[in-house]
Amino acid sequence: MRNNKAVKATIKKLGINGEGIAYLDKKITFVHGALPDEEVLIDVIRDEPKYKIGQLKSVLHASPNRVQAKCRAQKECLGCPLMIYDYRAQLESKYQLVKDTFHKYVGEAFEETEFEEVLPSSQQAGIRNIVRLPVVMFNDRITFGIYQRESKYLTLMTGCMMQSKRINSCLEKLETIMNDMHLHAYDELKKKGVRFLTVREFDNGLQLIFITGTDRLPDRAIEAISKIKDVASIYISVNTTRKQDFELARYELKYGKNQMEQIFMQKQFIVSSKADFPVYRQHALRVAKNIASLIEDDVKKIIDVGCGIGLYSLGLDEKYEIRGIDTSKINIMDALNSMHLQNRSHASYEDGKIDNLFTILSKRYHFDLALLHLDAFKMNDVLIDSIIASKTKYLILDSDHASMMAKNIAELTRTYQLKKIVALDGNPHGAGVSVIAFMTRKR
């Protein structure tokens, strides 16, 4: 329901998606583009039973931390909602968000926990190493862009300042080739055209994955694309389903390497086309180093839960005995391949249902430390009970979702003490923050 009368609102804080939060008629009100401590004029465009959504009309009293966005599309694009906010203020807001979240869910157990300022990102632009972009028609030309939620605004992505320079350069050249060859974006009625593009950046080049209609990509286009600097492999996948579960379909290698190589934590890894890999590689490296710094001297055996391709465990010192578990067969195959490449004799990885595997392995072996990557799986009651029953001495948890992590930690505080929280900004100008928690078993 829309209220046509503009109303004043005072922004109290930021929400989890970077929107300003005000309170109107005792309802939480979300306002995109508004900052804490600002007085704004808004139109209430939705009035739901538990919340309202306001559309910003004007800023009556601006925050001293409001800055000019460096991207012209920032106002319409939802990708970087905090680009209008001074970076130091962004970090302070993220710190407060994590602190409030843990106070809410963990309560008294958080009072004595070591928690310092959010660690800033080493870069504030050019940090995205993976993009997944719809292929669209704009002004009769094929290009790459995203239609923003709840609007028809198209954000063109060929020069996004948050993407790496190699990715942006590749997108510009791809756009030229595809238009010169008169290719078209996907037509749902005809089931033809280019639908989506994924570009993944590794040390040894760019991996391109095209999702197309039944007409695929012509060989002449593949040949031209293969000559773009840094392109190391090209995959094609035909997918005309309405659902966008593109990774379920077959990928066909049309050019170059079937596996990419990447150095991470000074170790060499193999990454296949469907395996998980961090969107922000330098940030993942900082997370890995902070995890390694939290491991106590008496740890010898580690179980890596939601291990992915083994980046965080195979990146550790070879003195540790590692067992990794993940739901994805593809991730585990890559972990095993990297393990053999590194000649790691004291490591093992297997796929399956997380709670079942943890229960079985923790009964068969004693682990000193459990690494729990909470974004890779959901921690249910069975797993929590198994962790408690396992008598594992230390837990290190990481997640990009502070509220989900805090809820899980609240359950674990029955048996474990929350000793330290480390928060890292991996998404400058975005609302997200990565959290690492270190817990020790109570005596």
Protein backbone atom coordinates (compact mmCIF):
# COMPACT_ATOMS: atom_id res chain seq x y z
CA MET A 1 0.00 0.00 0.00
CA ARG A 2 1.41 3.39 -0.98
CA ASN A 3 1.10 6.56 1.06
CA ASN A 4 1.23 9.53 -1.36
CA LYS A 5 2.03 12.03 1.36
CA ALA A 6 5.76 12.58 1.96
CA VAL A 7 6.80 12.24 5.60
CA LYS A 8 9.88 13.15 7.61
CA ALA A 9 11.97 10.39 9.14
CA THR A 10 15.12 10.22 11.25
CA ILE A 11 17.54 7.43 10.34
CA LYS A 12 18.74 5.59 13.43
CA LYS A 13 21.11 2.97 11.97
CA LEU A 14 21.89 0.78 8.98
CA GLY A 15 20.12 -2.48 8.14
CA ILE A 16 21.76 -5.73 7.07
CA ASN A 17 21.41 -4.76 3.39
CA GLY A 18 22.88 -1.29 3.83
CA GLU A 19 19.56 0.54 3.91
CA GLY A 20 18.81 3.25 6.44
CA ILE A 21 16.43 2.31 9.26
CA ALA A 22 13.86 4.68 10.72
CA TYR A 23 10.78 4.06 12.87
CA LEU A 24 7.38 5.34 11.76
CA ASP A 25 4.26 4.53 13.77
CA LYS A 26 6.45 2.13 15.80
CA LYS A 27 7.25 0.15 12.64
CA ILE A 28 10.74 -0.42 11.33
CA THR A 29 11.06 1.51 8.06
CA PHE A 30 13.72 0.74 5.46
CA VAL A 31 15.02 3.59 3.30
CA HIS A 32 17.56 2.85 0.55
CA GLY A 33 20.09 5.68 0.17
CA ALA A 34 19.62 7.14 3.66
CA LEU A 35 22.38 7.14 6.31
CA PRO A 36 22.47 7.11 10.12
CA ASP A 37 21.78 10.45 11.85
CA GLU A 38 20.12 11.91 8.77
CA GLU A 39 16.72 13.58 8.65
CA VAL A 40 15.07 12.68 5.35
CA LEU A 41 11.86 13.14 3.44
CA ILE A 42 10.38 9.89 2.14
CA ASP A 43 7.39 8.41 0.38
CA VAL A 44 6.07 5.29 2.07
CA ILE A 45 5.74 2.95 -0.91
CA ARG A 46 4.92 -0.19 1.12
CA ASP A 47 3.18 -0.51 4.46
CA GLU A 48 3.23 -4.12 5.66
CA PRO A 49 2.00 -5.41 9.03
CA LYS A 50 5.52 -5.56 10.48
CA TYR A 51 7.53 -3.05 8.44
CA LYS A 52 7.44 -0.19 5.95
CA ILE A 53 9.55 0.66 2.93
CA GLY A 54 10.26 4.30 2.23
CA GLN A 55 11.50 5.84 -1.01
CA LEU A 56 13.99 8.63 -0.42
CA LYS A 57 12.80 11.97 -1.84
CA SER A 58 15.36 14.32 -0.29
CA VAL A 59 17.92 14.59 2.51
CA LEU A 60 16.91 17.43 4.84
CA HIS A 61 19.92 17.18 7.16
CA ALA A 62 22.84 15.16 5.79
CA SER A 63 25.23 13.04 7.80
CA PRO A 64 28.76 14.49 8.08
CA ASN A 65 29.89 11.08 6.81
CA ARG A 66 27.97 11.35 3.52
CA VAL A 67 30.35 11.48 0.54
CA GLN A 68 30.05 11.71 -3.23
CA ALA A 69 29.77 8.25 -4.79
CA LYS A 70 32.57 7.41 -7.23
CA CYS A 71 30.20 5.43 -9.46
CA ARG A 72 27.57 7.22 -11.58
CA ALA A 73 25.18 4.26 -11.31
CA GLN A 74 25.30 4.08 -7.51
CA LYS A 75 21.94 5.75 -6.94
CA GLU A 76 20.02 3.17 -8.98
CA CYS A 77 22.31 0.16 -8.58
CA LEU A 78 21.87 -1.83 -5.37
CA GLY A 79 25.31 -3.44 -5.52
CA CYS A 80 27.18 -0.79 -3.49
CA PRO A 81 24.63 0.90 -1.19
CA LEU A 82 27.32 2.35 1.11
CA MET A 83 29.46 4.07 -1.53
CA ILE A 84 27.87 7.32 -0.31
CA TYR A 85 29.21 6.64 3.21
CA ASP A 86 32.74 7.49 4.36
CA TYR A 87 34.74 4.25 4.58
CA ARG A 88 35.70 4.67 8.23
CA ALA A 89 32.02 5.19 9.06
CA GLN A 90 31.18 2.03 7.10
CA LEU A 91 33.55 0.06 9.32
CA GLU A 92 32.08 1.58 12.48
CA SER A 93 28.55 0.68 11.38
CA LYS A 94 29.60 -2.88 10.57
CA TYR A 95 31.27 -3.18 13.97
CA GLN A 96 28.09 -2.01 15.67
CA LEU A 97 26.00 -4.40 13.57
CA VAL A 98 28.10 -7.40 14.64
CA LYS A 99 28.16 -6.24 18.26
CA ASP A 100 24.38 -5.72 18.41
CA THR A 101 23.75 -9.06 16.72
CA PHE A 102 25.87 -11.03 19.19
CA HIS A 103 24.40 -9.17 22.16
CA LYS A 104 20.93 -10.05 20.89
CA TYR A 105 21.47 -13.77 20.35
CA VAL A 106 24.41 -14.73 22.56
CA GLY A 107 23.66 -12.44 25.51
CA GLU A 108 25.87 -12.67 28.59
CA ALA A 109 28.23 -15.14 26.91
CA PHE A 110 29.34 -12.28 24.65
CA GLU A 111 30.17 -9.88 27.49
CA GLU A 112 33.73 -11.16 28.07
CA THR A 113 34.49 -11.99 24.45
CA GLU A 114 37.48 -10.28 22.84
CA PHE A 115 36.17 -8.20 19.94
CA GLU A 116 38.03 -5.31 18.34
CA GLU A 117 37.38 -3.04 15.37
CA VAL A 118 36.41 -4.43 11.98
CA LEU A 119 39.55 -5.03 9.93
CA PRO A 120 39.42 -2.85 6.79
CA SER A 121 39.72 -4.21 3.28
CA SER A 122 43.15 -3.77 1.70
CA GLN A 123 41.41 -2.44 -1.45
CA GLN A 124 38.16 -0.55 -1.94
CA ALA A 125 37.82 -1.16 -5.69
CA GLY A 126 38.71 -3.81 -8.26
CA ILE A 127 38.28 -6.62 -5.75
CA ARG A 128 35.70 -8.90 -7.41
CA ASN A 129 37.29 -11.94 -9.09
CA ILE A 130 34.06 -13.69 -10.16
CA VAL A 131 31.07 -12.19 -11.98
CA ARG A 132 27.82 -13.88 -13.05
CA LEU A 133 26.01 -11.61 -15.47
CA PRO A 134 22.82 -11.76 -17.54
CA VAL A 135 23.33 -11.08 -21.25
CA VAL A 136 20.89 -8.38 -22.38
CA MET A 137 20.02 -6.14 -25.31
CA PHE A 138 20.44 -2.39 -24.75
CA ASN A 139 20.02 0.18 -27.52
CA ASP A 140 19.98 -2.68 -30.04
CA ARG A 141 23.36 -3.92 -28.82
CA ILE A 142 24.20 -7.04 -26.85
CA THR A 143 25.84 -6.31 -23.50
CA PHE A 144 26.04 -7.46 -19.88
CA GLY A 145 23.77 -5.96 -17.25
CA ILE A 146 21.60 -6.49 -14.19
CA TYR A 147 18.01 -5.31 -13.77
CA GLN A 148 17.69 -4.03 -10.22
CA ARG A 149 15.12 -5.51 -7.86
CA GLU A 150 11.69 -3.88 -7.88
CA SER A 151 12.62 -1.63 -10.82
CA LYS A 152 13.33 -1.74 -14.52
CA TYR A 153 16.66 0.05 -14.15
CA LEU A 154 19.45 -1.71 -16.03
CA THR A 155 22.94 -1.50 -14.55
CA LEU A 156 25.52 -2.04 -17.29
CA MET A 157 28.42 -4.09 -15.94
CA THR A 158 31.11 -3.72 -18.60
CA GLY A 159 33.03 -1.21 -16.50
CA CYS A 160 32.05 -1.82 -12.88
CA MET A 161 34.69 -0.36 -10.57
CA MET A 162 34.34 -3.25 -8.11
CA GLN A 163 35.34 -5.85 -10.72
CA SER A 164 38.98 -6.59 -11.41
CA LYS A 165 40.70 -4.82 -14.30
CA ARG A 166 41.22 -8.10 -16.17
CA ILE A 167 37.50 -8.92 -15.96
CA ASN A 168 36.42 -5.46 -17.11
CA SER A 169 38.85 -5.54 -20.03
CA CYS A 170 37.55 -8.96 -21.06
CA LEU A 171 33.90 -7.84 -20.88
CA GLU A 172 34.57 -4.85 -23.14
CA LYS A 173 36.26 -7.05 -25.75
CA LEU A 174 33.53 -9.68 -25.51
CA GLU A 175 30.88 -7.03 -26.11
CA THR A 176 32.68 -5.87 -29.26
CA ILE A 177 33.07 -9.40 -30.64
CA MET A 178 29.46 -10.40 -29.94
CA ASN A 179 28.07 -7.27 -31.58
CA ASP A 180 30.40 -7.50 -34.58
CA MET A 181 29.08 -11.02 -35.12
CA HIS A 182 25.45 -9.89 -34.63
CA LEU A 183 24.79 -12.26 -31.72
CA HIS A 184 21.61 -11.78 -29.68
CA ALA A 185 20.55 -12.04 -26.06
CA TYR A 186 18.35 -14.97 -25.09
CA ASP A 187 14.78 -15.05 -26.38
CA GLU A 188 12.54 -17.18 -24.14
CA LEU A 189 10.01 -17.82 -26.90
CA LYS A 190 12.57 -18.93 -29.49
CA LYS A 191 14.84 -20.58 -26.90
CA LYS A 192 17.82 -19.07 -28.70
CA GLY A 193 20.52 -16.55 -27.89
CA VAL A 194 23.18 -15.96 -25.24
CA ARG A 195 21.67 -16.05 -21.78
CA PHE A 196 24.29 -15.70 -19.04
CA LEU A 197 28.04 -15.31 -18.68
CA THR A 198 30.26 -16.26 -15.77
CA VAL A 199 33.84 -14.99 -15.68
CA ARG A 200 36.20 -16.42 -13.05
CA GLU A 201 39.66 -14.97 -12.58
CA PHE A 202 42.64 -17.12 -11.57
CA ASP A 203 46.39 -16.68 -11.58
CA ASN A 204 46.71 -18.39 -14.95
CA GLY A 205 43.87 -16.57 -16.70
CA LEU A 206 40.12 -16.14 -17.06
CA GLN A 207 37.60 -18.95 -17.25
CA LEU A 208 34.47 -18.09 -19.28
CA ILE A 209 31.20 -20.02 -18.96
CA PHE A 210 28.42 -19.14 -21.42
CA ILE A 211 24.83 -20.26 -20.83
CA THR A 212 23.01 -20.27 -24.18
CA GLY A 213 19.86 -21.33 -25.94
CA THR A 214 19.67 -24.21 -28.37
CA ASP A 215 21.71 -22.34 -31.00
CA ARG A 216 24.81 -22.34 -28.74
CA LEU A 217 27.75 -20.09 -29.62
CA PRO A 218 29.02 -20.25 -33.20
CA ASP A 219 32.52 -21.66 -33.68
CA ARG A 220 33.71 -18.38 -35.20
CA ALA A 221 32.73 -16.56 -31.99
CA ILE A 222 34.54 -19.09 -29.82
CA GLU A 223 37.65 -18.73 -31.97
CA ALA A 224 37.57 -14.93 -31.70
CA ILE A 225 36.92 -15.01 -27.94
CA SER A 226 39.79 -17.45 -27.40
CA LYS A 227 42.18 -14.80 -28.73
CA ILE A 228 41.24 -12.27 -26.05
CA LYS A 229 44.17 -11.66 -23.73
CA ASP A 230 43.98 -13.66 -20.47
CA VAL A 231 41.18 -16.00 -21.65
CA ALA A 232 42.36 -19.46 -20.59
CA SER A 233 39.21 -21.55 -21.06
CA ILE A 234 35.74 -21.34 -22.59
CA TYR A 235 32.77 -23.49 -21.58
CA ILE A 236 29.32 -23.69 -23.14
CA SER A 237 26.16 -24.94 -21.44
CA VAL A 238 22.77 -25.13 -23.22
CA ASN A 239 20.01 -24.37 -20.75
CA THR A 240 16.48 -23.25 -21.68
CA THR A 241 14.74 -23.97 -18.38
CA ARG A 242 13.00 -21.16 -16.52
CA LYS A 243 14.91 -22.01 -13.37
CA GLN A 244 18.41 -20.58 -13.25
CA ASP A 245 20.10 -23.60 -11.68
CA PHE A 246 22.64 -23.48 -14.47
CA GLU A 247 25.31 -25.50 -12.66
CA LEU A 248 23.08 -28.58 -12.78
CA ALA A 249 23.45 -28.77 -16.57
CA ARG A 250 26.47 -30.11 -18.41
CA TYR A 251 29.38 -27.79 -19.16
CA GLU A 252 31.16 -28.49 -22.45
CA LEU A 253 34.77 -27.36 -22.76
CA LYS A 254 35.22 -25.58 -26.10
CA TYR A 255 38.66 -24.08 -25.64
CA GLY A 256 41.66 -24.25 -23.33
CA LYS A 257 42.14 -25.62 -19.83
CA ASN A 258 39.59 -27.90 -18.17
CA GLN A 259 41.00 -26.96 -14.75
CA MET A 260 42.44 -23.72 -13.49
CA GLU A 261 45.35 -23.29 -11.12
CA GLN A 262 45.58 -20.94 -8.18
CA ILE A 263 48.17 -20.19 -5.49
CA PHE A 264 46.51 -19.68 -2.11
CA MET A 265 48.33 -19.49 1.24
CA GLN A 266 51.50 -20.27 -0.74
CA LYS A 267 50.01 -23.63 -1.79
CA GLN A 268 48.91 -24.71 -5.25
CA PHE A 269 45.27 -25.59 -5.90
CA ILE A 270 43.33 -27.03 -8.82
CA VAL A 271 39.87 -25.58 -9.50
CA SER A 272 37.36 -27.13 -11.92
CA SER A 273 34.59 -25.20 -13.66
CA LYS A 274 31.78 -26.06 -11.23
CA ALA A 275 33.77 -26.03 -8.00
CA ASP A 276 33.28 -23.29 -5.41
CA PHE A 277 35.83 -20.48 -5.33
CA PRO A 278 35.79 -17.13 -3.48
CA VAL A 279 34.35 -14.15 -5.29
CA TYR A 280 36.80 -11.89 -3.41
CA ARG A 281 40.10 -13.77 -3.49
CA GLN A 282 42.23 -11.34 -1.48
CA HIS A 283 39.56 -11.20 1.21
CA ALA A 284 39.43 -15.01 1.38
CA LEU A 285 43.19 -14.99 1.88
CA ARG A 286 42.82 -12.60 4.83
CA VAL A 287 40.13 -14.85 6.33
CA ALA A 288 42.41 -17.87 5.91
CA LYS A 289 45.33 -16.12 7.62
CA ASN A 290 43.15 -15.04 10.53
CA ILE A 291 41.82 -18.57 10.94
CA ALA A 292 45.37 -19.91 10.97
CA SER A 293 46.39 -17.35 13.61
CA LEU A 294 43.65 -18.60 15.97
CA ILE A 295 44.81 -22.23 16.01
CA GLU A 296 46.29 -23.16 19.39
CA ASP A 297 49.70 -24.82 19.70
CA ASP A 298 48.30 -28.12 21.02
CA VAL A 299 46.13 -28.74 17.92
CA LYS A 300 47.18 -31.72 15.82
CA LYS A 301 43.99 -33.09 14.24
CA ILE A 302 41.47 -30.89 12.43
CA ILE A 303 38.09 -31.60 10.85
CA ASP A 304 37.16 -29.07 8.15
CA VAL A 305 33.35 -28.89 7.92
CA GLY A 306 31.92 -27.45 4.71
CA CYS A 307 35.47 -27.57 3.40
CA GLY A 308 34.74 -26.64 -0.23
CA ILE A 309 37.86 -27.35 -2.29
CA GLY A 310 39.99 -27.37 0.86
CA LEU A 311 41.37 -23.82 0.60
CA TYR A 312 41.35 -23.14 4.33
CA SER A 313 42.61 -26.54 5.52
CA LEU A 314 45.09 -27.44 2.75
CA GLY A 315 46.40 -23.90 3.09
CA LEU A 316 47.46 -24.67 6.68
CA ASP A 317 50.84 -25.97 7.79
CA GLU A 318 51.48 -29.58 6.77
CA LYS A 319 52.00 -30.60 10.41
CA TYR A 320 48.23 -30.90 10.88
CA GLU A 321 46.24 -34.04 10.17
CA ILE A 322 43.19 -32.94 8.16
CA ARG A 323 39.83 -34.51 7.39
CA GLY A 324 37.48 -32.44 5.27
CA ILE A 325 33.77 -32.96 4.58
CA ASP A 326 31.46 -31.21 2.14
CA THR A 327 28.10 -31.81 0.45
CA SER A 328 29.54 -31.31 -3.05
CA LYS A 329 31.23 -34.17 -4.91
CA ILE A 330 32.79 -31.64 -7.27
CA ASN A 331 34.38 -29.68 -4.42
CA ILE A 332 35.73 -32.85 -2.85
CA MET A 333 37.24 -34.05 -6.14
CA ASP A 334 39.10 -30.74 -6.41
CA ALA A 335 40.23 -30.97 -2.79
CA LEU A 336 41.59 -34.47 -3.41
CA ASN A 337 43.34 -33.36 -6.61
CA SER A 338 44.94 -30.42 -4.81
CA MET A 339 45.89 -32.68 -1.91
CA HIS A 340 47.75 -35.02 -4.28
CA LEU A 341 49.32 -32.08 -6.11
CA GLN A 342 50.68 -30.82 -2.79
CA ASN A 343 51.82 -34.33 -1.75
CA ARG A 344 49.83 -34.06 1.46
CA SER A 345 49.95 -37.44 3.15
CA HIS A 346 48.00 -36.52 6.29
CA ALA A 347 44.79 -35.29 4.67
CA SER A 348 41.53 -36.86 3.52
CA TYR A 349 38.32 -35.45 2.04
CA GLU A 350 34.86 -36.94 1.46
CA ASP A 351 31.41 -35.79 0.42
CA GLY A 352 28.03 -36.54 1.92
CA LYS A 353 25.51 -35.21 4.39
CA ILE A 354 27.36 -32.97 6.84
CA ASP A 355 25.68 -34.01 10.08
CA ASN A 356 25.97 -37.72 9.27
CA LEU A 357 29.63 -37.48 8.29
CA PHE A 358 30.58 -35.42 11.33
CA THR A 359 28.80 -37.83 13.67
CA ILE A 360 30.53 -40.87 12.16
CA LEU A 361 34.00 -39.33 11.92
CA SER A 362 33.94 -37.76 15.38
CA LYS A 363 33.14 -41.17 16.89
CA ARG A 364 35.89 -42.85 14.88
CA TYR A 365 38.56 -40.19 15.43
CA HIS A 366 39.31 -37.55 18.03
CA PHE A 367 39.67 -34.03 16.62
CA ASP A 368 41.33 -31.19 18.49
CA LEU A 369 39.72 -28.52 16.34
CA ALA A 370 36.64 -28.22 14.12
CA LEU A 371 36.63 -25.58 11.38
CA LEU A 372 33.02 -24.75 10.54
CA HIS A 373 32.33 -22.72 7.40
CA LEU A 374 28.70 -21.84 8.07
CA ASP A 375 27.93 -20.34 4.65
CA ALA A 376 28.54 -23.76 3.08
CA PHE A 377 25.84 -25.60 5.08
CA LYS A 378 23.12 -25.13 7.67
CA MET A 379 23.99 -26.13 11.22
CA ASN A 380 21.06 -28.20 12.54
CA ASP A 381 20.37 -29.63 16.00
CA VAL A 382 21.86 -33.00 15.05
CA LEU A 383 25.19 -31.41 14.13
CA ILE A 384 25.24 -29.19 17.22
CA ASP A 385 24.58 -32.21 19.44
CA SER A 386 27.29 -34.18 17.62
CA ILE A 387 29.82 -31.38 18.12
CA ILE A 388 29.03 -31.25 21.82
CA ALA A 389 29.21 -35.07 22.13
CA SER A 390 32.51 -35.20 20.21
CA LYS A 391 34.38 -33.36 22.97
CA THR A 392 36.33 -31.45 20.35
CA LYS A 393 38.42 -28.95 22.32
CA TYR A 394 38.34 -25.96 19.97
CA LEU A 395 35.91 -24.57 17.40
CA ILE A 396 36.57 -21.92 14.76
CA LEU A 397 33.50 -20.75 12.86
CA ASP A 398 33.34 -18.33 9.95
CA SER A 399 30.42 -16.78 8.08
CA ASP A 400 29.33 -13.75 6.10
CA HIS A 401 26.00 -13.79 7.96
CA ALA A 402 26.46 -12.54 11.52
CA SER A 403 22.91 -13.29 12.68
CA MET A 404 22.98 -16.91 11.53
CA MET A 405 26.38 -17.42 13.16
CA ALA A 406 25.26 -15.80 16.42
CA LYS A 407 22.20 -18.06 16.63
CA ASN A 408 24.40 -21.15 16.18
CA ILE A 409 26.95 -19.92 18.71
CA ALA A 410 24.18 -19.28 21.23
CA GLU A 411 23.38 -23.02 21.08
CA LEU A 412 27.04 -24.00 21.39
CA THR A 413 27.62 -21.82 24.48
CA ARG A 414 25.97 -24.55 26.52
CA THR A 415 29.30 -26.36 26.28
CA TYR A 416 31.75 -23.92 24.69
CA GLN A 417 33.02 -20.51 25.73
CA LEU A 418 33.15 -17.78 23.11
CA LYS A 419 36.67 -16.41 23.42
CA LYS A 420 37.20 -14.16 20.42
CA ILE A 421 35.39 -12.55 17.49
CA VAL A 422 37.27 -11.25 14.44
CA ALA A 423 35.33 -9.23 11.88
CA LEU A 424 36.73 -8.41 8.45
CA ASP A 425 35.34 -6.14 5.77
CA GLY A 426 35.32 -8.16 2.58
CA ASN A 427 32.75 -6.08 0.74
CA PRO A 428 33.65 -2.36 0.78
CA HIS A 429 30.63 -0.17 -0.02
CA GLY A 430 28.37 -3.18 0.57
CA ALA A 431 26.60 -4.16 3.76
CA GLY A 432 28.29 -7.52 4.32
CA VAL A 433 30.94 -8.31 6.90
CA SER A 434 32.79 -11.58 7.49
CA VAL A 435 32.94 -12.91 11.04
CA ILE A 436 35.30 -15.48 12.55
CA ALA A 437 34.56 -16.87 16.02
CA PHE A 438 36.94 -18.84 18.26
CA MET A 439 35.45 -21.06 20.97
CA THR A 440 36.99 -23.34 23.59
CA ARG A 441 35.35 -26.21 25.41
CA LYS A 442 34.37 -25.44 29.00
CA ARG A 443 36.04 -27.52 31.70
